[in-house]
N, C-alpha and C. Protein backbone atom coordinates (compact mmCIF):
# COMPACT_ATOMS: atom_id res chain seq x y z
N MET A 1 60.06 80.53 142.28
CA MET A 1 59.38 79.80 141.21
C MET A 1 57.92 80.22 141.13
N ARG A 2 57.47 80.57 139.95
CA ARG A 2 56.08 80.92 139.70
C ARG A 2 55.36 79.71 139.14
N LEU A 3 54.20 79.37 139.71
CA LEU A 3 53.41 78.23 139.26
C LEU A 3 52.15 78.72 138.57
N ILE A 4 51.92 78.22 137.37
CA ILE A 4 50.73 78.56 136.59
C ILE A 4 49.96 77.27 136.30
N LEU A 5 48.68 77.28 136.57
CA LEU A 5 47.81 76.15 136.24
C LEU A 5 46.89 76.58 135.12
N ARG A 6 46.89 75.84 134.03
CA ARG A 6 46.03 76.18 132.89
C ARG A 6 45.55 74.92 132.21
N LYS A 7 44.51 75.08 131.39
CA LYS A 7 43.99 73.92 130.67
C LYS A 7 45.02 73.41 129.66
N GLU A 8 45.02 72.10 129.48
CA GLU A 8 45.88 71.49 128.48
C GLU A 8 45.43 71.92 127.09
N GLU A 9 46.40 72.18 126.23
CA GLU A 9 46.14 72.55 124.84
C GLU A 9 46.75 71.51 123.92
N PRO A 10 46.27 71.40 122.69
CA PRO A 10 46.80 70.37 121.78
C PRO A 10 48.32 70.37 121.64
N GLN A 11 48.93 71.54 121.66
CA GLN A 11 50.39 71.58 121.52
C GLN A 11 51.10 71.04 122.76
N ASP A 12 50.35 70.80 123.83
CA ASP A 12 50.94 70.25 125.06
C ASP A 12 50.96 68.73 125.08
N TYR A 13 50.22 68.09 124.20
CA TYR A 13 49.96 66.66 124.33
C TYR A 13 51.25 65.83 124.46
N GLU A 14 52.17 66.04 123.55
CA GLU A 14 53.40 65.24 123.57
C GLU A 14 54.22 65.52 124.83
N ILE A 15 54.28 66.77 125.22
CA ILE A 15 55.04 67.13 126.43
C ILE A 15 54.40 66.50 127.66
N VAL A 16 53.07 66.54 127.74
CA VAL A 16 52.36 65.96 128.88
C VAL A 16 52.64 64.46 128.97
N GLU A 17 52.65 63.79 127.85
CA GLU A 17 52.94 62.36 127.87
C GLU A 17 54.37 62.09 128.30
N GLU A 18 55.30 62.94 127.89
CA GLU A 18 56.69 62.80 128.33
C GLU A 18 56.80 63.02 129.84
N VAL A 19 56.09 64.03 130.35
CA VAL A 19 56.10 64.30 131.79
C VAL A 19 55.51 63.12 132.55
N THR A 20 54.40 62.60 132.07
CA THR A 20 53.76 61.45 132.71
C THR A 20 54.69 60.25 132.75
N ARG A 21 55.36 60.01 131.65
CA ARG A 21 56.30 58.88 131.57
C ARG A 21 57.45 59.05 132.56
N GLU A 22 58.02 60.25 132.61
CA GLU A 22 59.14 60.50 133.52
C GLU A 22 58.69 60.39 134.98
N ALA A 23 57.50 60.90 135.27
CA ALA A 23 57.02 60.93 136.65
C ALA A 23 56.71 59.54 137.19
N LEU A 24 56.20 58.66 136.35
CA LEU A 24 55.68 57.37 136.82
C LEU A 24 56.54 56.18 136.42
N TRP A 25 57.63 56.42 135.75
CA TRP A 25 58.49 55.32 135.30
C TRP A 25 59.05 54.55 136.50
N ASN A 26 58.82 53.27 136.51
CA ASN A 26 59.27 52.34 137.56
C ASN A 26 58.63 52.60 138.93
N LEU A 27 57.61 53.45 138.98
CA LEU A 27 57.03 53.79 140.28
C LEU A 27 56.18 52.65 140.85
N HIS A 28 55.27 52.10 140.04
CA HIS A 28 54.38 51.04 140.48
C HIS A 28 54.80 49.67 139.98
N VAL A 29 55.33 49.66 138.77
CA VAL A 29 55.82 48.43 138.12
C VAL A 29 57.06 48.83 137.33
N PRO A 30 57.85 47.88 136.88
CA PRO A 30 58.95 48.24 135.98
C PRO A 30 58.42 48.93 134.73
N GLY A 31 58.97 50.09 134.42
CA GLY A 31 58.44 50.88 133.32
C GLY A 31 57.16 51.58 133.73
N CYS A 32 56.29 51.89 132.77
CA CYS A 32 54.95 52.40 133.06
C CYS A 32 54.15 52.44 131.77
N ASP A 33 52.82 52.51 131.93
CA ASP A 33 51.90 52.58 130.79
C ASP A 33 51.05 53.85 130.81
N GLU A 34 51.21 54.66 131.84
CA GLU A 34 50.30 55.78 132.02
C GLU A 34 50.37 56.83 130.91
N HIS A 35 51.52 56.98 130.27
CA HIS A 35 51.60 57.92 129.16
C HIS A 35 50.76 57.44 127.97
N TYR A 36 50.65 56.13 127.82
CA TYR A 36 49.78 55.56 126.79
C TYR A 36 48.32 55.80 127.16
N VAL A 37 48.00 55.66 128.45
CA VAL A 37 46.63 55.94 128.91
C VAL A 37 46.26 57.39 128.60
N ALA A 38 47.17 58.31 128.88
CA ALA A 38 46.92 59.72 128.59
C ALA A 38 46.63 59.93 127.11
N HIS A 39 47.41 59.29 126.26
CA HIS A 39 47.22 59.40 124.81
C HIS A 39 45.86 58.87 124.39
N GLN A 40 45.47 57.72 124.93
CA GLN A 40 44.20 57.10 124.56
C GLN A 40 43.01 57.85 125.15
N LEU A 41 43.18 58.37 126.35
CA LEU A 41 42.06 59.01 127.03
C LEU A 41 41.54 60.22 126.27
N ARG A 42 42.42 60.96 125.65
CA ARG A 42 41.99 62.16 124.92
C ARG A 42 41.06 61.82 123.76
N GLN A 43 41.13 60.58 123.29
CA GLN A 43 40.30 60.16 122.16
C GLN A 43 39.01 59.48 122.61
N ALA A 44 38.82 59.34 123.91
CA ALA A 44 37.66 58.63 124.45
C ALA A 44 36.49 59.58 124.66
N ASP A 45 35.27 59.06 124.48
CA ASP A 45 34.07 59.87 124.69
C ASP A 45 33.96 60.35 126.14
N GLU A 46 34.54 59.57 127.07
CA GLU A 46 34.42 59.91 128.49
C GLU A 46 35.37 61.02 128.95
N PHE A 47 36.32 61.37 128.11
CA PHE A 47 37.32 62.38 128.47
C PHE A 47 36.67 63.73 128.71
N ILE A 48 37.16 64.47 129.71
CA ILE A 48 36.63 65.80 130.03
C ILE A 48 37.74 66.84 129.81
N PRO A 49 37.82 67.40 128.62
CA PRO A 49 38.90 68.37 128.33
C PRO A 49 38.90 69.57 129.27
N ASP A 50 37.73 70.00 129.72
CA ASP A 50 37.66 71.18 130.59
C ASP A 50 38.33 70.98 131.94
N LEU A 51 38.60 69.71 132.30
CA LEU A 51 39.26 69.43 133.57
C LEU A 51 40.66 68.84 133.37
N SER A 52 41.15 68.91 132.15
CA SER A 52 42.51 68.46 131.87
C SER A 52 43.44 69.66 132.00
N TYR A 53 44.27 69.65 133.05
CA TYR A 53 45.10 70.81 133.37
C TYR A 53 46.59 70.45 133.40
N VAL A 54 47.40 71.46 133.11
CA VAL A 54 48.84 71.31 133.23
C VAL A 54 49.37 72.30 134.25
N ALA A 55 50.47 71.93 134.88
CA ALA A 55 51.18 72.81 135.80
C ALA A 55 52.42 73.33 135.07
N VAL A 56 52.53 74.63 134.97
CA VAL A 56 53.64 75.28 134.27
C VAL A 56 54.44 76.10 135.28
N VAL A 57 55.76 75.97 135.24
CA VAL A 57 56.58 76.75 136.16
C VAL A 57 57.47 77.72 135.37
N GLN A 58 57.72 78.83 136.01
CA GLN A 58 58.66 79.82 135.50
C GLN A 58 59.64 80.12 136.62
N GLU A 59 60.87 79.69 136.43
CA GLU A 59 61.87 79.87 137.48
C GLU A 59 62.21 81.35 137.64
N ASP A 60 62.52 81.73 138.87
CA ASP A 60 62.87 83.12 139.16
C ASP A 60 64.01 83.61 138.27
N GLY A 61 63.79 84.77 137.67
CA GLY A 61 64.83 85.36 136.84
C GLY A 61 64.89 84.82 135.43
N GLN A 62 63.95 83.94 135.06
CA GLN A 62 63.96 83.36 133.71
C GLN A 62 62.63 83.66 133.02
N GLU A 63 62.66 83.78 131.70
CA GLU A 63 61.44 84.01 130.93
C GLU A 63 60.80 82.71 130.48
N ALA A 64 61.61 81.67 130.31
CA ALA A 64 61.09 80.40 129.79
C ALA A 64 60.14 79.75 130.78
N GLN A 65 59.10 79.13 130.25
CA GLN A 65 58.14 78.38 131.04
C GLN A 65 58.24 76.90 130.67
N LYS A 66 57.90 76.05 131.63
CA LYS A 66 58.08 74.61 131.44
C LYS A 66 56.91 73.86 132.07
N ILE A 67 56.31 72.93 131.31
CA ILE A 67 55.27 72.06 131.85
C ILE A 67 55.93 71.00 132.72
N VAL A 68 55.51 70.92 133.97
CA VAL A 68 56.13 69.97 134.90
C VAL A 68 55.12 69.00 135.53
N GLY A 69 53.84 69.17 135.22
CA GLY A 69 52.84 68.29 135.80
C GLY A 69 51.53 68.37 135.06
N ASN A 70 50.64 67.41 135.34
CA ASN A 70 49.33 67.42 134.68
C ASN A 70 48.33 66.56 135.45
N ILE A 71 47.06 66.77 135.14
CA ILE A 71 45.98 65.94 135.66
C ILE A 71 44.92 65.83 134.57
N MET A 72 44.27 64.65 134.48
CA MET A 72 43.25 64.40 133.46
C MET A 72 42.03 63.77 134.13
N TYR A 73 40.85 64.13 133.64
CA TYR A 73 39.59 63.64 134.20
C TYR A 73 38.77 62.90 133.13
N ALA A 74 37.89 62.03 133.62
CA ALA A 74 36.99 61.31 132.73
C ALA A 74 35.69 60.99 133.46
N ARG A 75 34.65 60.71 132.69
CA ARG A 75 33.39 60.25 133.26
C ARG A 75 33.47 58.76 133.53
N ALA A 76 32.85 58.33 134.61
CA ALA A 76 32.81 56.91 134.97
C ALA A 76 31.43 56.65 135.57
N CYS A 77 31.24 55.48 136.18
CA CYS A 77 29.94 55.21 136.80
C CYS A 77 30.07 54.15 137.89
N ILE A 78 29.04 54.08 138.72
CA ILE A 78 28.87 53.01 139.70
C ILE A 78 27.63 52.23 139.26
N VAL A 79 27.78 50.94 139.05
CA VAL A 79 26.65 50.11 138.65
C VAL A 79 26.15 49.36 139.88
N ASP A 80 24.89 49.60 140.25
CA ASP A 80 24.35 48.99 141.46
C ASP A 80 23.84 47.58 141.20
N GLU A 81 23.32 46.94 142.24
CA GLU A 81 22.89 45.54 142.14
C GLU A 81 21.73 45.34 141.17
N ASN A 82 21.05 46.42 140.83
CA ASN A 82 19.94 46.35 139.87
C ASN A 82 20.37 46.68 138.45
N GLY A 83 21.67 46.89 138.28
CA GLY A 83 22.19 47.20 136.96
C GLY A 83 22.04 48.65 136.55
N ILE A 84 21.66 49.50 137.48
CA ILE A 84 21.51 50.93 137.18
C ILE A 84 22.86 51.62 137.32
N ALA A 85 23.22 52.41 136.33
CA ALA A 85 24.51 53.13 136.33
C ALA A 85 24.33 54.53 136.90
N HIS A 86 25.12 54.85 137.92
CA HIS A 86 25.10 56.17 138.54
C HIS A 86 26.38 56.90 138.13
N LYS A 87 26.23 58.07 137.55
CA LYS A 87 27.37 58.79 136.99
C LYS A 87 28.28 59.35 138.07
N VAL A 88 29.58 59.18 137.87
CA VAL A 88 30.60 59.78 138.73
C VAL A 88 31.74 60.24 137.83
N GLY A 89 32.69 60.94 138.41
CA GLY A 89 33.89 61.31 137.69
C GLY A 89 35.08 60.55 138.24
N THR A 90 36.17 60.58 137.51
CA THR A 90 37.43 60.01 137.98
C THR A 90 38.57 60.84 137.41
N PHE A 91 39.75 60.72 138.00
CA PHE A 91 40.89 61.41 137.40
C PHE A 91 42.12 60.51 137.42
N GLY A 92 43.04 60.84 136.55
CA GLY A 92 44.27 60.10 136.39
C GLY A 92 44.59 59.92 134.92
N PRO A 93 45.87 59.94 134.55
CA PRO A 93 47.00 60.07 135.47
C PRO A 93 47.18 61.48 136.03
N VAL A 94 47.78 61.51 137.22
CA VAL A 94 48.25 62.75 137.84
C VAL A 94 49.77 62.63 137.90
N SER A 95 50.47 63.59 137.34
CA SER A 95 51.92 63.45 137.21
C SER A 95 52.65 64.75 137.54
N VAL A 96 53.82 64.61 138.16
CA VAL A 96 54.73 65.73 138.39
C VAL A 96 56.15 65.21 138.15
N LEU A 97 56.92 65.94 137.37
CA LEU A 97 58.29 65.53 137.11
C LEU A 97 59.04 65.28 138.42
N PRO A 98 59.86 64.23 138.50
CA PRO A 98 60.57 63.92 139.75
C PRO A 98 61.33 65.10 140.35
N SER A 99 61.96 65.92 139.52
CA SER A 99 62.75 67.04 140.03
C SER A 99 61.88 68.17 140.59
N TYR A 100 60.56 68.08 140.37
CA TYR A 100 59.66 69.10 140.89
C TYR A 100 58.69 68.55 141.94
N GLN A 101 58.88 67.31 142.32
CA GLN A 101 58.02 66.72 143.33
C GLN A 101 58.36 67.28 144.71
N LYS A 102 57.43 67.10 145.63
CA LYS A 102 57.56 67.62 147.01
C LYS A 102 57.57 69.14 147.05
N ARG A 103 56.93 69.75 146.06
CA ARG A 103 56.76 71.21 146.05
C ARG A 103 55.28 71.58 146.01
N ALA A 104 54.40 70.61 146.31
CA ALA A 104 52.95 70.82 146.37
C ALA A 104 52.32 71.09 145.00
N ILE A 105 53.02 70.75 143.92
CA ILE A 105 52.45 70.98 142.59
C ILE A 105 51.28 70.04 142.34
N GLY A 106 51.43 68.76 142.70
CA GLY A 106 50.33 67.83 142.57
C GLY A 106 49.13 68.27 143.39
N LYS A 107 49.39 68.73 144.59
CA LYS A 107 48.33 69.22 145.47
C LYS A 107 47.56 70.36 144.80
N HIS A 108 48.28 71.31 144.22
CA HIS A 108 47.62 72.45 143.58
C HIS A 108 46.80 72.00 142.37
N LEU A 109 47.30 71.05 141.59
CA LEU A 109 46.55 70.54 140.45
C LEU A 109 45.24 69.89 140.90
N ILE A 110 45.31 69.09 141.94
CA ILE A 110 44.13 68.38 142.43
C ILE A 110 43.11 69.36 143.01
N LEU A 111 43.55 70.24 143.90
CA LEU A 111 42.63 71.16 144.53
C LEU A 111 42.00 72.13 143.52
N HIS A 112 42.79 72.59 142.58
CA HIS A 112 42.29 73.52 141.57
C HIS A 112 41.20 72.88 140.72
N THR A 113 41.44 71.67 140.24
CA THR A 113 40.46 71.03 139.36
C THR A 113 39.24 70.54 140.14
N LEU A 114 39.42 70.14 141.39
CA LEU A 114 38.25 69.78 142.20
C LEU A 114 37.36 71.00 142.42
N SER A 115 37.97 72.16 142.61
CA SER A 115 37.21 73.39 142.78
C SER A 115 36.41 73.71 141.52
N ILE A 116 37.03 73.53 140.38
CA ILE A 116 36.32 73.77 139.11
C ILE A 116 35.16 72.79 138.96
N ALA A 117 35.41 71.53 139.27
CA ALA A 117 34.35 70.52 139.15
C ALA A 117 33.18 70.84 140.08
N ARG A 118 33.48 71.28 141.28
CA ARG A 118 32.40 71.64 142.22
C ARG A 118 31.59 72.82 141.70
N GLY A 119 32.26 73.75 141.05
CA GLY A 119 31.59 74.95 140.59
C GLY A 119 30.83 74.80 139.30
N MET A 120 30.95 73.63 138.66
CA MET A 120 30.31 73.45 137.37
C MET A 120 29.55 72.13 137.33
N LEU A 121 28.74 71.89 138.35
CA LEU A 121 27.93 70.67 138.40
C LEU A 121 26.75 70.85 137.46
N SER A 122 26.85 70.24 136.30
CA SER A 122 25.82 70.42 135.28
C SER A 122 25.90 69.31 134.27
N GLU A 123 24.98 69.33 133.30
CA GLU A 123 24.99 68.35 132.22
C GLU A 123 26.29 68.40 131.43
N ARG A 124 26.99 69.52 131.53
CA ARG A 124 28.25 69.67 130.80
C ARG A 124 29.24 68.56 131.19
N TYR A 125 29.19 68.13 132.46
CA TYR A 125 30.07 67.07 132.92
C TYR A 125 29.34 65.76 133.10
N GLY A 126 28.14 65.65 132.52
CA GLY A 126 27.41 64.40 132.65
C GLY A 126 26.73 64.26 134.00
N SER A 127 26.54 65.37 134.70
CA SER A 127 25.81 65.40 135.97
C SER A 127 26.45 64.59 137.09
N PHE A 128 27.75 64.36 137.06
CA PHE A 128 28.33 63.62 138.19
C PHE A 128 28.55 64.57 139.36
N ARG A 129 28.28 64.04 140.56
CA ARG A 129 28.38 64.84 141.77
C ARG A 129 29.36 64.23 142.77
N ALA A 130 30.12 63.24 142.30
CA ALA A 130 31.12 62.59 143.14
C ALA A 130 32.26 62.09 142.25
N ILE A 131 33.41 61.89 142.86
CA ILE A 131 34.59 61.42 142.14
C ILE A 131 35.14 60.19 142.84
N LEU A 132 35.47 59.17 142.06
CA LEU A 132 36.14 57.98 142.57
C LEU A 132 37.48 57.82 141.87
N ILE A 133 38.48 57.41 142.62
CA ILE A 133 39.82 57.23 142.08
C ILE A 133 40.48 56.01 142.71
N TYR A 134 41.55 55.56 142.09
CA TYR A 134 42.47 54.60 142.70
C TYR A 134 43.74 55.36 143.06
N GLY A 135 44.17 55.25 144.31
CA GLY A 135 45.38 55.95 144.74
C GLY A 135 45.71 55.60 146.18
N TYR A 136 46.79 56.15 146.67
CA TYR A 136 47.22 55.87 148.04
C TYR A 136 46.34 56.63 149.03
N PRO A 137 45.67 55.92 149.95
CA PRO A 137 44.77 56.59 150.90
C PRO A 137 45.45 57.66 151.75
N ASP A 138 46.71 57.43 152.15
CA ASP A 138 47.37 58.41 153.01
C ASP A 138 47.63 59.72 152.28
N TYR A 139 47.70 59.69 150.96
CA TYR A 139 47.89 60.92 150.19
C TYR A 139 46.54 61.57 149.87
N TYR A 140 45.64 60.81 149.29
CA TYR A 140 44.37 61.40 148.85
C TYR A 140 43.43 61.70 150.01
N GLY A 141 43.68 61.10 151.16
CA GLY A 141 42.90 61.45 152.33
C GLY A 141 43.06 62.91 152.71
N LYS A 142 44.19 63.50 152.35
CA LYS A 142 44.43 64.93 152.64
C LYS A 142 43.46 65.83 151.89
N PHE A 143 42.87 65.31 150.81
CA PHE A 143 41.94 66.10 150.01
C PHE A 143 40.48 65.75 150.32
N GLY A 144 40.29 64.91 151.32
CA GLY A 144 38.93 64.55 151.70
C GLY A 144 38.42 63.24 151.15
N PHE A 145 39.26 62.52 150.41
CA PHE A 145 38.83 61.22 149.89
C PHE A 145 38.72 60.20 151.02
N LYS A 146 37.74 59.31 150.89
CA LYS A 146 37.49 58.27 151.89
C LYS A 146 37.41 56.90 151.22
N ALA A 147 37.53 55.86 152.02
CA ALA A 147 37.52 54.50 151.50
C ALA A 147 36.17 54.17 150.89
N ALA A 148 36.16 53.78 149.62
CA ALA A 148 34.91 53.42 148.95
C ALA A 148 34.27 52.19 149.57
N GLU A 149 35.09 51.32 150.13
CA GLU A 149 34.59 50.11 150.77
C GLU A 149 33.60 50.46 151.89
N ASP A 150 33.83 51.57 152.56
CA ASP A 150 32.99 51.95 153.70
C ASP A 150 31.55 52.22 153.30
N ILE A 151 31.32 52.54 152.03
CA ILE A 151 29.95 52.77 151.58
C ILE A 151 29.52 51.72 150.54
N GLY A 152 30.23 50.59 150.54
CA GLY A 152 29.80 49.47 149.72
C GLY A 152 30.12 49.55 148.25
N ILE A 153 31.19 50.28 147.89
CA ILE A 153 31.60 50.39 146.48
C ILE A 153 32.89 49.61 146.29
N CYS A 154 32.87 48.71 145.31
CA CYS A 154 34.03 47.87 145.01
C CYS A 154 34.48 48.11 143.57
N GLY A 155 35.55 47.43 143.18
CA GLY A 155 36.01 47.51 141.80
C GLY A 155 35.11 46.73 140.87
N LYS A 156 35.36 46.82 139.59
CA LYS A 156 34.49 46.18 138.60
C LYS A 156 34.49 44.66 138.74
N ASP A 157 35.56 44.09 139.34
CA ASP A 157 35.66 42.65 139.51
C ASP A 157 35.00 42.17 140.80
N GLY A 158 34.39 43.08 141.55
CA GLY A 158 33.71 42.71 142.78
C GLY A 158 34.59 42.70 144.01
N TYR A 159 35.85 43.09 143.86
CA TYR A 159 36.77 43.11 145.00
C TYR A 159 36.86 44.51 145.59
N PHE A 160 36.91 44.56 146.92
CA PHE A 160 37.17 45.81 147.62
C PHE A 160 38.68 45.96 147.75
N ILE A 161 39.17 47.18 147.56
CA ILE A 161 40.61 47.43 147.62
C ILE A 161 40.85 48.78 148.29
N PRO A 162 41.83 48.87 149.18
CA PRO A 162 42.07 50.14 149.88
C PRO A 162 42.33 51.32 148.95
N ALA A 163 42.86 51.05 147.76
CA ALA A 163 43.19 52.12 146.83
C ALA A 163 41.96 52.84 146.28
N LEU A 164 40.80 52.19 146.30
CA LEU A 164 39.60 52.80 145.73
C LEU A 164 38.97 53.75 146.75
N GLN A 165 38.87 55.02 146.38
CA GLN A 165 38.40 56.06 147.29
C GLN A 165 37.40 56.98 146.60
N TYR A 166 36.60 57.64 147.42
CA TYR A 166 35.57 58.52 146.87
C TYR A 166 35.60 59.89 147.53
N LEU A 167 35.08 60.86 146.79
CA LEU A 167 34.90 62.21 147.31
C LEU A 167 33.59 62.74 146.76
N GLU A 168 32.68 63.16 147.63
CA GLU A 168 31.43 63.76 147.20
C GLU A 168 31.66 65.24 146.90
N LEU A 169 31.27 65.67 145.72
CA LEU A 169 31.33 67.09 145.38
C LEU A 169 30.17 67.85 146.01
N GLU A 170 29.09 67.12 146.24
CA GLU A 170 27.96 67.64 146.99
C GLU A 170 27.66 66.65 148.11
N GLU A 171 27.39 67.16 149.29
CA GLU A 171 27.12 66.29 150.43
C GLU A 171 25.93 65.38 150.13
N GLY A 172 26.12 64.08 150.40
CA GLY A 172 25.05 63.12 150.19
C GLY A 172 24.94 62.61 148.77
N ALA A 173 25.88 62.97 147.91
CA ALA A 173 25.79 62.58 146.49
C ALA A 173 25.75 61.07 146.31
N LEU A 174 26.42 60.34 147.19
CA LEU A 174 26.46 58.88 147.07
C LEU A 174 25.60 58.19 148.13
N ARG A 175 24.73 58.94 148.75
CA ARG A 175 23.85 58.34 149.76
C ARG A 175 22.99 57.26 149.10
N ALA A 176 23.03 56.08 149.71
CA ALA A 176 22.23 54.93 149.24
C ALA A 176 22.69 54.39 147.89
N ILE A 177 23.89 54.78 147.45
CA ILE A 177 24.45 54.24 146.20
C ILE A 177 25.63 53.34 146.53
N SER A 178 25.58 52.12 146.07
CA SER A 178 26.68 51.17 146.23
C SER A 178 26.75 50.31 144.98
N GLY A 179 27.82 49.55 144.85
CA GLY A 179 27.95 48.70 143.67
C GLY A 179 29.38 48.67 143.16
N ARG A 180 29.51 48.48 141.86
CA ARG A 180 30.82 48.32 141.23
C ARG A 180 31.22 49.58 140.49
N PHE A 181 32.43 50.03 140.76
CA PHE A 181 32.98 51.21 140.08
C PHE A 181 33.49 50.78 138.72
N ILE A 182 32.98 51.42 137.67
CA ILE A 182 33.36 51.08 136.29
C ILE A 182 34.05 52.28 135.65
N GLU A 183 35.32 52.12 135.36
CA GLU A 183 36.09 53.17 134.70
C GLU A 183 35.93 53.08 133.18
N PRO A 184 36.27 54.14 132.45
CA PRO A 184 36.31 54.05 130.98
C PRO A 184 37.27 52.93 130.54
N SER A 185 36.98 52.34 129.42
CA SER A 185 37.75 51.18 128.96
C SER A 185 39.22 51.50 128.70
N VAL A 186 39.55 52.78 128.51
CA VAL A 186 40.95 53.12 128.25
C VAL A 186 41.85 52.82 129.44
N TYR A 187 41.27 52.69 130.63
CA TYR A 187 42.06 52.35 131.80
C TYR A 187 42.35 50.85 131.88
N ASP A 188 41.67 50.06 131.06
CA ASP A 188 42.00 48.63 130.94
C ASP A 188 43.13 48.51 129.91
N ILE A 189 44.33 48.58 130.37
CA ILE A 189 45.47 48.80 129.48
C ILE A 189 45.80 47.55 128.66
N ASP A 190 45.94 47.76 127.36
CA ASP A 190 46.48 46.75 126.46
C ASP A 190 48.00 46.91 126.52
N HIS A 191 48.66 46.02 127.25
CA HIS A 191 50.08 46.21 127.52
C HIS A 191 50.94 46.07 126.26
N LEU A 192 50.51 45.27 125.32
CA LEU A 192 51.26 45.16 124.07
C LEU A 192 51.17 46.46 123.27
N ALA A 193 49.97 47.03 123.23
CA ALA A 193 49.80 48.31 122.53
C ALA A 193 50.58 49.41 123.25
N ALA A 194 50.57 49.36 124.58
CA ALA A 194 51.31 50.37 125.35
C ALA A 194 52.80 50.25 125.09
N ALA A 195 53.31 49.03 125.01
CA ALA A 195 54.74 48.82 124.74
C ALA A 195 55.10 49.33 123.36
N ALA A 196 54.21 49.11 122.40
CA ALA A 196 54.46 49.61 121.04
C ALA A 196 54.46 51.13 121.02
N TYR A 197 53.55 51.74 121.76
CA TYR A 197 53.49 53.20 121.80
C TYR A 197 54.73 53.77 122.48
N ASP A 198 55.25 53.06 123.45
CA ASP A 198 56.43 53.55 124.18
C ASP A 198 57.65 53.65 123.27
N LEU A 199 57.64 52.96 122.15
CA LEU A 199 58.76 53.03 121.23
C LEU A 199 58.90 54.42 120.60
N HIS A 200 57.85 55.26 120.72
CA HIS A 200 57.92 56.62 120.20
C HIS A 200 58.78 57.53 121.09
N PHE A 201 59.16 57.03 122.27
CA PHE A 201 59.88 57.83 123.25
C PHE A 201 61.33 57.34 123.37
N PRO A 202 62.22 58.17 123.89
CA PRO A 202 63.61 57.72 124.08
C PRO A 202 63.66 56.50 125.00
N PRO A 203 64.58 55.57 124.76
CA PRO A 203 64.67 54.37 125.59
C PRO A 203 64.93 54.71 127.06
N LYS A 204 64.28 53.96 127.95
CA LYS A 204 64.50 54.09 129.38
C LYS A 204 64.65 52.69 129.98
N GLN A 205 65.48 52.58 130.99
CA GLN A 205 65.74 51.30 131.62
C GLN A 205 64.62 50.97 132.62
N LYS A 206 64.02 49.81 132.44
CA LYS A 206 63.05 49.34 133.42
C LYS A 206 63.79 48.76 134.62
N GLY A 207 63.26 49.01 135.81
CA GLY A 207 63.94 48.53 137.00
C GLY A 207 63.03 48.50 138.20
N TYR A 208 63.62 48.26 139.35
CA TYR A 208 62.86 48.11 140.59
C TYR A 208 63.05 49.33 141.49
N LYS A 209 61.95 49.74 142.13
CA LYS A 209 61.97 50.74 143.19
C LYS A 209 61.19 50.20 144.38
N ASP A 210 61.52 50.67 145.56
CA ASP A 210 60.79 50.23 146.75
C ASP A 210 59.30 50.52 146.66
N SER A 211 58.95 51.56 145.92
CA SER A 211 57.54 51.92 145.78
C SER A 211 56.73 50.81 145.12
N GLN A 212 57.38 49.97 144.35
CA GLN A 212 56.67 48.86 143.71
C GLN A 212 56.19 47.85 144.74
N ALA A 213 56.99 47.61 145.76
CA ALA A 213 56.60 46.69 146.82
C ALA A 213 55.40 47.25 147.58
N ARG A 214 55.41 48.55 147.83
CA ARG A 214 54.28 49.18 148.51
C ARG A 214 53.02 49.05 147.68
N PHE A 215 53.15 49.25 146.38
CA PHE A 215 52.01 49.14 145.48
C PHE A 215 51.44 47.72 145.48
N GLN A 216 52.32 46.73 145.41
CA GLN A 216 51.87 45.34 145.40
C GLN A 216 51.23 44.96 146.74
N GLU A 217 51.76 45.50 147.83
CA GLU A 217 51.18 45.22 149.15
C GLU A 217 49.76 45.74 149.23
N MET A 218 49.52 46.92 148.66
CA MET A 218 48.18 47.48 148.68
C MET A 218 47.23 46.63 147.83
N LEU A 219 47.70 46.17 146.69
CA LEU A 219 46.88 45.31 145.84
C LEU A 219 46.56 43.99 146.55
N SER A 220 47.50 43.50 147.35
CA SER A 220 47.30 42.22 148.03
C SER A 220 46.19 42.27 149.07
N ARG A 221 45.78 43.45 149.45
CA ARG A 221 44.72 43.58 150.46
C ARG A 221 43.33 43.62 149.85
N ALA A 222 43.22 43.36 148.56
CA ALA A 222 41.91 43.28 147.93
C ALA A 222 41.15 42.07 148.47
N HIS A 223 39.85 42.23 148.64
CA HIS A 223 39.06 41.12 149.18
C HIS A 223 37.61 41.26 148.73
N LYS A 224 36.88 40.18 148.79
CA LYS A 224 35.46 40.18 148.45
C LYS A 224 34.64 40.79 149.59
């Protein structure tokens, strides 16, 4: 299998949303909304097209290529106790089709785009020198992410949660910076709008997976 990582193009949009839906369906909750987030994020001022990448595979002996994964980035900020906003980046959704998972495709997407972000620290990306995300610590720790709680960064509601993690693109980027992590508003999902958007896709059965219990357990550890 040959793996190609390239920037997302307009003709990829619908396919990327289908991939996102397939990858995350029933993973955290019954159904999913992340494909709607992907759709909305592209229209947001905070979206960073230069860091929106797709993973394309070409199976051995075949000419056809297929998009099997993607990652999207946006600008965000940390608001400190004085109300000052410090620019950071964030990414998500990150998706890989179930039949292509456990082949390090997600790993390659993350490492590739982090490398690009490190190499292009400039006004082009809003001068952010660190990235904050919500995700499983045991997975993102492999890429150098650390618990945001350890440096005094919480969610916008003031709660610390194990899922919130940070990575400095430059050493010391978050030195003496703490406060509330504020994501773009597109991540505050309007579930009714998301359900209406999902009607554009083939019907899928909502159901339960063990991963949902793990997700809820992580959320339950939020604290002030």
